[in-house]
PDB file of N, CA and C in Angstrom:
ATOM      1  N   MET A   1       0.829  -1.196   0.000  1.00  0.00           N
ATOM      2  CA  MET A   1       0.000   0.000   0.000  1.00  0.00           C
ATOM      3  C   MET A   1       0.871   1.256   0.000  1.00  0.00           C
ATOM      4  N   ASN A   2       1.959   1.240   0.715  1.00  0.00           N
ATOM      5  CA  ASN A   2       2.842   2.379   0.811  1.00  0.00           C
ATOM      6  C   ASN A   2       3.477   2.692  -0.549  1.00  0.00           C
ATOM      7  N   LYS A   3       3.790   1.638  -1.320  1.00  0.00           N
ATOM      8  CA  LYS A   3       4.410   1.814  -2.630  1.00  0.00           C
ATOM      9  C   LYS A   3       3.432   2.476  -3.601  1.00  0.00           C
ATOM     10  N   LYS A   4       2.179   2.083  -3.554  1.00  0.00           N
ATOM     11  CA  LYS A   4       1.156   2.677  -4.418  1.00  0.00           C
ATOM     12  C   LYS A   4       0.939   4.157  -4.074  1.00  0.00           C
ATOM     13  N   ALA A   5       0.979   4.482  -2.815  1.00  0.00           N
ATOM     14  CA  ALA A   5       0.782   5.873  -2.395  1.00  0.00           C
ATOM     15  C   ALA A   5       1.953   6.739  -2.870  1.00  0.00           C
ATOM     16  N   ALA A   6       3.164   6.202  -2.831  1.00  0.00           N
ATOM     17  CA  ALA A   6       4.330   6.952  -3.283  1.00  0.00           C
ATOM     18  C   ALA A   6       4.264   7.188  -4.799  1.00  0.00           C
ATOM     19  N   ILE A   7       3.828   6.190  -5.534  1.00  0.00           N
ATOM     20  CA  ILE A   7       3.685   6.334  -6.989  1.00  0.00           C
ATOM     21  C   ILE A   7       2.602   7.356  -7.314  1.00  0.00           C
ATOM     22  N   ALA A   8       1.486   7.313  -6.610  1.00  0.00           N
ATOM     23  CA  ALA A   8       0.397   8.261  -6.839  1.00  0.00           C
ATOM     24  C   ALA A   8       0.849   9.678  -6.486  1.00  0.00           C
ATOM     25  N   LEU A   9       1.548   9.831  -5.380  1.00  0.00           N
ATOM     26  CA  LEU A   9       2.034  11.151  -4.984  1.00  0.00           C
ATOM     27  C   LEU A   9       3.038  11.683  -6.007  1.00  0.00           C
ATOM     28  N   GLY A  10       3.925  10.839  -6.502  1.00  0.00           N
ATOM     29  CA  GLY A  10       4.889  11.245  -7.533  1.00  0.00           C
ATOM     30  C   GLY A  10       4.189  11.670  -8.812  1.00  0.00           C
ATOM     31  N   ALA A  11       3.150  10.944  -9.203  1.00  0.00           N
ATOM     32  CA  ALA A  11       2.395  11.291 -10.405  1.00  0.00           C
ATOM     33  C   ALA A  11       1.692  12.638 -10.233  1.00  0.00           C
ATOM     34  N   VAL A  12       1.141  12.880  -9.061  1.00  0.00           N
ATOM     35  CA  VAL A  12       0.463  14.151  -8.800  1.00  0.00           C
ATOM     36  C   VAL A  12       1.472  15.293  -8.835  1.00  0.00           C
ATOM     37  N   ILE A  13       2.649  15.093  -8.263  1.00  0.00           N
ATOM     38  CA  ILE A  13       3.683  16.135  -8.275  1.00  0.00           C
ATOM     39  C   ILE A  13       4.124  16.430  -9.703  1.00  0.00           C
ATOM     40  N   ILE A  14       4.313  15.388 -10.501  1.00  0.00           N
ATOM     41  CA  ILE A  14       4.720  15.585 -11.898  1.00  0.00           C
ATOM     42  C   ILE A  14       3.633  16.326 -12.681  1.00  0.00           C
ATOM     43  N   LEU A  15       2.376  15.979 -12.467  1.00  0.00           N
ATOM     44  CA  LEU A  15       1.276  16.663 -13.153  1.00  0.00           C
ATOM     45  C   LEU A  15       1.182  18.133 -12.746  1.00  0.00           C
ATOM     46  N   VAL A  16       1.317  18.408 -11.453  1.00  0.00           N
ATOM     47  CA  VAL A  16       1.248  19.795 -10.976  1.00  0.00           C
ATOM     48  C   VAL A  16       2.427  20.596 -11.544  1.00  0.00           C
ATOM     49  N   ALA A  17       3.618  20.015 -11.542  1.00  0.00           N
ATOM     50  CA  ALA A  17       4.787  20.718 -12.074  1.00  0.00           C
ATOM     51  C   ALA A  17       4.622  20.967 -13.577  1.00  0.00           C
ATOM     52  N   GLY A  18       4.116  19.997 -14.300  1.00  0.00           N
ATOM     53  CA  GLY A  18       3.883  20.172 -15.734  1.00  0.00           C
ATOM     54  C   GLY A  18       2.857  21.254 -16.008  1.00  0.00           C
ATOM     55  N   TYR A  19       1.787  21.291 -15.224  1.00  0.00           N
ATOM     56  CA  TYR A  19       0.764  22.319 -15.399  1.00  0.00           C
ATOM     57  C   TYR A  19       1.326  23.702 -15.098  1.00  0.00           C
ATOM     58  N   TYR A  20       2.180  23.808 -14.061  1.00  0.00           N
ATOM     59  CA  TYR A  20       2.808  25.085 -13.716  1.00  0.00           C
ATOM     60  C   TYR A  20       3.725  25.565 -14.856  1.00  0.00           C
ATOM     61  N   VAL A  21       4.508  24.664 -15.401  1.00  0.00           N
ATOM     62  CA  VAL A  21       5.395  25.028 -16.508  1.00  0.00           C
ATOM     63  C   VAL A  21       4.576  25.444 -17.727  1.00  0.00           C
ATOM     64  N   TYR A  22       3.497  24.728 -17.991  1.00  0.00           N
ATOM     65  CA  TYR A  22       2.627  25.078 -19.121  1.00  0.00           C
ATOM     66  C   TYR A  22       2.042  26.476 -18.950  1.00  0.00           C
ATOM     67  N   LEU A  23       1.543  26.790 -17.786  1.00  0.00           N
ATOM     68  CA  LEU A  23       0.970  28.112 -17.552  1.00  0.00           C
ATOM     69  C   LEU A  23       2.035  29.205 -17.600  1.00  0.00           C
ATOM     70  N   THR A  24       3.223  28.910 -17.123  1.00  0.00           N
ATOM     71  CA  THR A  24       4.297  29.905 -17.090  1.00  0.00           C
ATOM     72  C   THR A  24       4.742  30.273 -18.498  1.00  0.00           C
ATOM     73  N   TYR A  25       4.950  29.285 -19.343  1.00  0.00           N
ATOM     74  CA  TYR A  25       5.484  29.560 -20.673  1.00  0.00           C
ATOM     75  C   TYR A  25       4.420  29.890 -21.710  1.00  0.00           C
ATOM     76  N   SER A  26       3.186  29.485 -21.505  1.00  0.00           N
ATOM     77  CA  SER A  26       2.158  29.782 -22.500  1.00  0.00           C
ATOM     78  C   SER A  26       1.591  31.191 -22.337  1.00  0.00           C
ATOM     79  N   SER A  27       1.717  31.802 -21.167  1.00  0.00           N
ATOM     80  CA  SER A  27       1.144  33.130 -20.957  1.00  0.00           C
ATOM     81  C   SER A  27       2.111  34.253 -21.321  1.00  0.00           C
ATOM     82  N   LYS A  28       3.395  33.944 -21.585  1.00  0.00           N
ATOM     83  CA  LYS A  28       4.358  34.981 -21.933  1.00  0.00           C
ATOM     84  C   LYS A  28       4.146  35.400 -23.392  1.00  0.00           C
ATOM     85  N   PRO A  29       4.148  36.699 -23.659  1.00  0.00           N
ATOM     86  CA  PRO A  29       4.034  37.146 -25.051  1.00  0.00           C
ATOM     87  C   PRO A  29       5.323  36.843 -25.808  1.00  0.00           C
ATOM     88  N   ILE A  30       5.193  36.750 -27.107  1.00  0.00           N
ATOM     89  CA  ILE A  30       6.360  36.489 -27.947  1.00  0.00           C
ATOM     90  C   ILE A  30       7.219  37.745 -27.960  1.00  0.00           C
ATOM     91  N   PRO A  31       8.509  37.619 -27.648  1.00  0.00           N
ATOM     92  CA  PRO A  31       9.359  38.809 -27.597  1.00  0.00           C
ATOM     93  C   PRO A  31       9.599  39.380 -28.992  1.00  0.00           C
ATOM     94  N   ALA A  32       9.846  40.686 -29.034  1.00  0.00           N
ATOM     95  CA  ALA A  32      10.148  41.352 -30.302  1.00  0.00           C
ATOM     96  C   ALA A  32      11.503  40.872 -30.803  1.00  0.00           C
ATOM     97  N   PRO A  33      11.729  40.905 -32.110  1.00  0.00           N
ATOM     98  CA  PRO A  33      13.021  40.451 -32.618  1.00  0.00           C
ATOM     99  C   PRO A  33      14.150  41.340 -32.115  1.00  0.00           C
ATOM    100  N   ALA A  34      15.307  40.744 -31.956  1.00  0.00           N
ATOM    101  CA  ALA A  34      16.464  41.481 -31.460  1.00  0.00           C
ATOM    102  C   ALA A  34      16.894  42.517 -32.490  1.00  0.00           C
ATOM    103  N   LEU A  35      17.618  43.502 -32.036  1.00  0.00           N
ATOM    104  CA  LEU A  35      18.094  44.566 -32.912  1.00  0.00           C
ATOM    105  C   LEU A  35      18.981  44.011 -34.016  1.00  0.00           C
ATOM    106  N   GLU A  36      19.777  42.982 -33.712  1.00  0.00           N
ATOM    107  CA  GLU A  36      20.656  42.383 -34.711  1.00  0.00           C
ATOM    108  C   GLU A  36      19.845  41.793 -35.859  1.00  0.00           C
ATOM    109  N   THR A  37      18.714  41.176 -35.548  1.00  0.00           N
ATOM    110  CA  THR A  37      17.877  40.586 -36.579  1.00  0.00           C
ATOM    111  C   THR A  37      17.307  41.661 -37.488  1.00  0.00           C
ATOM    112  N   VAL A  38      16.884  42.771 -36.924  1.00  0.00           N
ATOM    113  CA  VAL A  38      16.328  43.865 -37.717  1.00  0.00           C
ATOM    114  C   VAL A  38      17.405  44.450 -38.622  1.00  0.00           C
ATOM    115  N   VAL A  39      18.611  44.588 -38.106  1.00  0.00           N
ATOM    116  CA  VAL A  39      19.716  45.134 -38.904  1.00  0.00           C
ATOM    117  C   VAL A  39      20.034  44.209 -40.061  1.00  0.00           C
ATOM    118  N   VAL A  40      20.030  42.910 -39.811  1.00  0.00           N
ATOM    119  CA  VAL A  40      20.331  41.946 -40.875  1.00  0.00           C
ATOM    120  C   VAL A  40      19.246  41.976 -41.943  1.00  0.00           C
ATOM    121  N   GLN A  41      18.001  42.103 -41.570  1.00  0.00           N
ATOM    122  CA  GLN A  41      16.915  42.126 -42.542  1.00  0.00           C
ATOM    123  C   GLN A  41      16.969  43.390 -43.390  1.00  0.00           C
ATOM    124  N   ASN A  42      17.371  44.515 -42.844  1.00  0.00           N
ATOM    125  CA  ASN A  42      17.411  45.768 -43.579  1.00  0.00           C
ATOM    126  C   ASN A  42      18.721  45.965 -44.331  1.00  0.00           C
ATOM    127  N   ALA A  43      19.688  45.105 -44.117  1.00  0.00           N
ATOM    128  CA  ALA A  43      20.996  45.268 -44.759  1.00  0.00           C
ATOM    129  C   ALA A  43      20.905  45.060 -46.263  1.00  0.00           C
ATOM    130  N   GLY A  44      19.957  44.274 -46.741  1.00  0.00           N
ATOM    131  CA  GLY A  44      19.851  43.986 -48.166  1.00  0.00           C
ATOM    132  C   GLY A  44      19.365  45.165 -48.992  1.00  0.00           C
ATOM    133  N   SER A  45      18.793  46.179 -48.379  1.00  0.00           N
ATOM    134  CA  SER A  45      18.244  47.289 -49.144  1.00  0.00           C
ATOM    135  C   SER A  45      19.328  48.166 -49.752  1.00  0.00           C
ATOM    136  N   SER A  46      20.516  48.217 -49.156  1.00  0.00           N
ATOM    137  CA  SER A  46      21.573  49.058 -49.694  1.00  0.00           C
ATOM    138  C   SER A  46      22.542  48.282 -50.578  1.00  0.00           C
ATOM    139  N   VAL A  47      22.335  47.001 -50.708  1.00  0.00           N
ATOM    140  CA  VAL A  47      23.216  46.167 -51.515  1.00  0.00           C
ATOM    141  C   VAL A  47      22.708  46.145 -52.951  1.00  0.00           C
ATOM    142  N   ASN A  48      23.616  46.055 -53.905  1.00  0.00           N
ATOM    143  CA  ASN A  48      23.240  46.004 -55.312  1.00  0.00           C
ATOM    144  C   ASN A  48      22.360  44.783 -55.564  1.00  0.00           C
ATOM    145  N   ASP A  49      21.186  44.991 -56.151  1.00  0.00           N
ATOM    146  CA  ASP A  49      20.266  43.897 -56.413  1.00  0.00           C
ATOM    147  C   ASP A  49      20.678  43.070 -57.621  1.00  0.00           C
ATOM    148  N   LYS A  50      21.504  43.609 -58.498  1.00  0.00           N
ATOM    149  CA  LYS A  50      21.965  42.896 -59.688  1.00  0.00           C
ATOM    150  C   LYS A  50      23.494  42.813 -59.641  1.00  0.00           C
ATOM    151  N   PRO A  51      24.026  41.824 -58.937  1.00  0.00           N
ATOM    152  CA  PRO A  51      25.478  41.783 -58.763  1.00  0.00           C
ATOM    153  C   PRO A  51      26.248  41.476 -60.048  1.00  0.00           C
ATOM    154  N   LEU A  52      25.633  40.861 -61.051  1.00  0.00           N
ATOM    155  CA  LEU A  52      26.337  40.512 -62.286  1.00  0.00           C
ATOM    156  C   LEU A  52      26.192  41.574 -63.369  1.00  0.00           C
ATOM    157  N   GLU A  53      25.629  42.702 -63.009  1.00  0.00           N
ATOM    158  CA  GLU A  53      25.416  43.749 -64.003  1.00  0.00           C
ATOM    159  C   GLU A  53      26.739  44.280 -64.571  1.00  0.00           C
ATOM    160  N   ASN A  54      27.745  44.456 -63.749  1.00  0.00           N
ATOM    161  CA  ASN A  54      29.041  44.970 -64.185  1.00  0.00           C
ATOM    162  C   ASN A  54      30.125  43.898 -64.101  1.00  0.00           C
ATOM    163  N   ALA A  55      29.763  42.650 -64.304  1.00  0.00           N
ATOM    164  CA  ALA A  55      30.722  41.563 -64.197  1.00  0.00           C
ATOM    165  C   ALA A  55      31.672  41.573 -65.394  1.00  0.00           C
ATOM    166  N   PRO A  56      32.935  41.248 -65.165  1.00  0.00           N
ATOM    167  CA  PRO A  56      33.882  41.205 -66.280  1.00  0.00           C
ATOM    168  C   PRO A  56      33.640  39.986 -67.161  1.00  0.00           C
ATOM    169  N   ASP A  57      34.071  40.064 -68.415  1.00  0.00           N
ATOM    170  CA  ASP A  57      33.931  38.949 -69.344  1.00  0.00           C
ATOM    171  C   ASP A  57      35.100  37.998 -69.116  1.00  0.00           C
ATOM    172  N   LEU A  58      34.822  36.856 -68.550  1.00  0.00           N
ATOM    173  CA  LEU A  58      35.869  35.901 -68.211  1.00  0.00           C
ATOM    174  C   LEU A  58      35.918  34.713 -69.166  1.00  0.00           C
ATOM    175  N   ASN A  59      35.152  34.750 -70.242  1.00  0.00           N
ATOM    176  CA  ASN A  59      35.125  33.653 -71.189  1.00  0.00           C
ATOM    177  C   ASN A  59      36.392  33.692 -72.058  1.00  0.00           C
ATOM    178  N   PRO A  60      37.280  32.697 -71.982  1.00  0.00           N
ATOM    179  CA  PRO A  60      38.520  32.737 -72.757  1.00  0.00           C
ATOM    180  C   PRO A  60      38.295  32.583 -74.255  1.00  0.00           C
ATOM    181  N   VAL A  61      37.188  32.030 -74.673  1.00  0.00           N
ATOM    182  CA  VAL A  61      36.923  31.851 -76.099  1.00  0.00           C
ATOM    183  C   VAL A  61      36.726  33.205 -76.775  1.00  0.00           C
ATOM    184  N   ASN A  62      36.071  34.124 -76.113  1.00  0.00           N
ATOM    185  CA  ASN A  62      35.854  35.446 -76.702  1.00  0.00           C
ATOM    186  C   ASN A  62      37.162  36.220 -76.837  1.00  0.00           C
ATOM    187  N   LYS A  63      38.135  35.949 -75.994  1.00  0.00           N
ATOM    188  CA  LYS A  63      39.389  36.684 -76.022  1.00  0.00           C
ATOM    189  C   LYS A  63      40.403  36.065 -76.990  1.00  0.00           C
ATOM    190  N   ALA A  64      40.372  34.766 -77.165  1.00  0.00           N
ATOM    191  CA  ALA A  64      41.404  34.085 -77.937  1.00  0.00           C
ATOM    192  C   ALA A  64      40.876  33.443 -79.219  1.00  0.00           C
ATOM    193  N   ASN A  65      39.776  33.900 -79.734  1.00  0.00           N
ATOM    194  CA  ASN A  65      39.223  33.312 -80.956  1.00  0.00           C
ATOM    195  C   ASN A  65      39.998  33.827 -82.171  1.00  0.00           C
ATOM    196  N   PRO A  66      40.754  32.962 -82.849  1.00  0.00           N
ATOM    197  CA  PRO A  66      41.538  33.433 -83.991  1.00  0.00           C
ATOM    198  C   PRO A  66      40.686  33.646 -85.243  1.00  0.00           C
ATOM    199  N   PHE A  67      39.469  33.182 -85.271  1.00  0.00           N
ATOM    200  CA  PHE A  67      38.632  33.269 -86.462  1.00  0.00           C
ATOM    201  C   PHE A  67      37.569  34.366 -86.346  1.00  0.00           C
ATOM    202  N   LYS A  68      37.801  35.406 -85.583  1.00  0.00           N
ATOM    203  CA  LYS A  68      36.818  36.474 -85.428  1.00  0.00           C
ATOM    204  C   LYS A  68      36.588  37.241 -86.722  1.00  0.00           C
ATOM    205  N   SER A  69      37.624  37.472 -87.475  1.00  0.00           N
ATOM    206  CA  SER A  69      37.478  38.260 -88.699  1.00  0.00           C
ATOM    207  C   SER A  69      37.040  37.420 -89.897  1.00  0.00           C
ATOM    208  N   VAL A  70      37.015  36.114 -89.778  1.00  0.00           N
ATOM    209  CA  VAL A  70      36.624  35.241 -90.887  1.00  0.00           C
ATOM    210  C   VAL A  70      35.118  35.198 -90.963  1.00  0.00           C
ATOM    211  N   LYS A  71      34.577  35.407 -92.151  1.00  0.00           N
ATOM    212  CA  LYS A  71      33.125  35.462 -92.330  1.00  0.00           C
ATOM    213  C   LYS A  71      32.540  34.114 -92.734  1.00  0.00           C
ATOM    214  N   THR A  72      33.361  33.241 -93.288  1.00  0.00           N
ATOM    215  CA  THR A  72      32.879  31.925 -93.675  1.00  0.00           C
ATOM    216  C   THR A  72      33.611  30.850 -92.895  1.00  0.00           C
ATOM    217  N   ASN A  73      33.073  29.685 -92.892  1.00  0.00           N
ATOM    218  CA  ASN A  73      33.691  28.580 -92.190  1.00  0.00           C
ATOM    219  C   ASN A  73      34.878  28.081 -93.027  1.00  0.00           C
ATOM    220  N   PRO A  74      36.109  28.120 -92.515  1.00  0.00           N
ATOM    221  CA  PRO A  74      37.268  27.694 -93.302  1.00  0.00           C
ATOM    222  C   PRO A  74      37.360  26.176 -93.435  1.00  0.00           C
ATOM    223  N   PHE A  75      36.567  25.439 -92.735  1.00  0.00           N
ATOM    224  CA  PHE A  75      36.675  23.975 -92.775  1.00  0.00           C
ATOM    225  C   PHE A  75      35.663  23.342 -93.739  1.00  0.00           C
ATOM    226  N   GLU A  76      34.894  24.085 -94.427  1.00  0.00           N
ATOM    227  CA  GLU A  76      33.927  23.515 -95.375  1.00  0.00           C
ATOM    228  C   GLU A  76      34.511  23.392 -96.767  1.00  0.00           C
TER     229      GLU A  76
END
Protein backbone atom coordinates (compact mmCIF):
# COMPACT_ATOMS: atom_id res chain seq x y z
CA MET A 1 0.00 0.00 0.00
CA ASN A 2 2.84 2.38 0.81
CA LYS A 3 4.41 1.81 -2.63
CA LYS A 4 1.16 2.68 -4.42
CA ALA A 5 0.78 5.87 -2.40
CA ALA A 6 4.33 6.95 -3.28
CA ILE A 7 3.68 6.33 -6.99
CA ALA A 8 0.40 8.26 -6.84
CA LEU A 9 2.03 11.15 -4.98
CA GLY A 10 4.89 11.24 -7.53
CA ALA A 11 2.40 11.29 -10.41
CA VAL A 12 0.46 14.15 -8.80
CA ILE A 13 3.68 16.13 -8.28
CA ILE A 14 4.72 15.59 -11.90
CA LEU A 15 1.28 16.66 -13.15
CA VAL A 16 1.25 19.80 -10.98
CA ALA A 17 4.79 20.72 -12.07
CA GLY A 18 3.88 20.17 -15.73
CA TYR A 19 0.76 22.32 -15.40
CA TYR A 20 2.81 25.08 -13.72
CA VAL A 21 5.40 25.03 -16.51
CA TYR A 22 2.63 25.08 -19.12
CA LEU A 23 0.97 28.11 -17.55
CA THR A 24 4.30 29.91 -17.09
CA TYR A 25 5.48 29.56 -20.67
CA SER A 26 2.16 29.78 -22.50
CA SER A 27 1.14 33.13 -20.96
CA LYS A 28 4.36 34.98 -21.93
CA PRO A 29 4.03 37.15 -25.05
CA ILE A 30 6.36 36.49 -27.95
CA PRO A 31 9.36 38.81 -27.60
CA ALA A 32 10.15 41.35 -30.30
CA PRO A 33 13.02 40.45 -32.62
CA ALA A 34 16.46 41.48 -31.46
CA LEU A 35 18.09 44.57 -32.91
CA GLU A 36 20.66 42.38 -34.71
CA THR A 37 17.88 40.59 -36.58
CA VAL A 38 16.33 43.87 -37.72
CA VAL A 39 19.72 45.13 -38.90
CA VAL A 40 20.33 41.95 -40.87
CA GLN A 41 16.92 42.13 -42.54
CA ASN A 42 17.41 45.77 -43.58
CA ALA A 43 21.00 45.27 -44.76
CA GLY A 44 19.85 43.99 -48.17
CA SER A 45 18.24 47.29 -49.14
CA SER A 46 21.57 49.06 -49.69
CA VAL A 47 23.22 46.17 -51.51
CA ASN A 48 23.24 46.00 -55.31
CA ASP A 49 20.27 43.90 -56.41
CA LYS A 50 21.97 42.90 -59.69
CA PRO A 51 25.48 41.78 -58.76
CA LEU A 52 26.34 40.51 -62.29
CA GLU A 53 25.42 43.75 -64.00
CA ASN A 54 29.04 44.97 -64.18
CA ALA A 55 30.72 41.56 -64.20
CA PRO A 56 33.88 41.21 -66.28
CA ASP A 57 33.93 38.95 -69.34
CA LEU A 58 35.87 35.90 -68.21
CA ASN A 59 35.12 33.65 -71.19
CA PRO A 60 38.52 32.74 -72.76
CA VAL A 61 36.92 31.85 -76.10
CA ASN A 62 35.85 35.45 -76.70
CA LYS A 63 39.39 36.68 -76.02
CA ALA A 64 41.40 34.08 -77.94
CA ASN A 65 39.22 33.31 -80.96
CA PRO A 66 41.54 33.43 -83.99
CA PHE A 67 38.63 33.27 -86.46
CA LYS A 68 36.82 36.47 -85.43
CA SER A 69 37.48 38.26 -88.70
CA VAL A 70 36.62 35.24 -90.89
CA LYS A 71 33.12 35.46 -92.33
CA THR A 72 32.88 31.92 -93.68
CA ASN A 73 33.69 28.58 -92.19
CA PRO A 74 37.27 27.69 -93.30
CA PHE A 75 36.68 23.98 -92.77
CA GLU A 76 33.93 23.51 -95.38
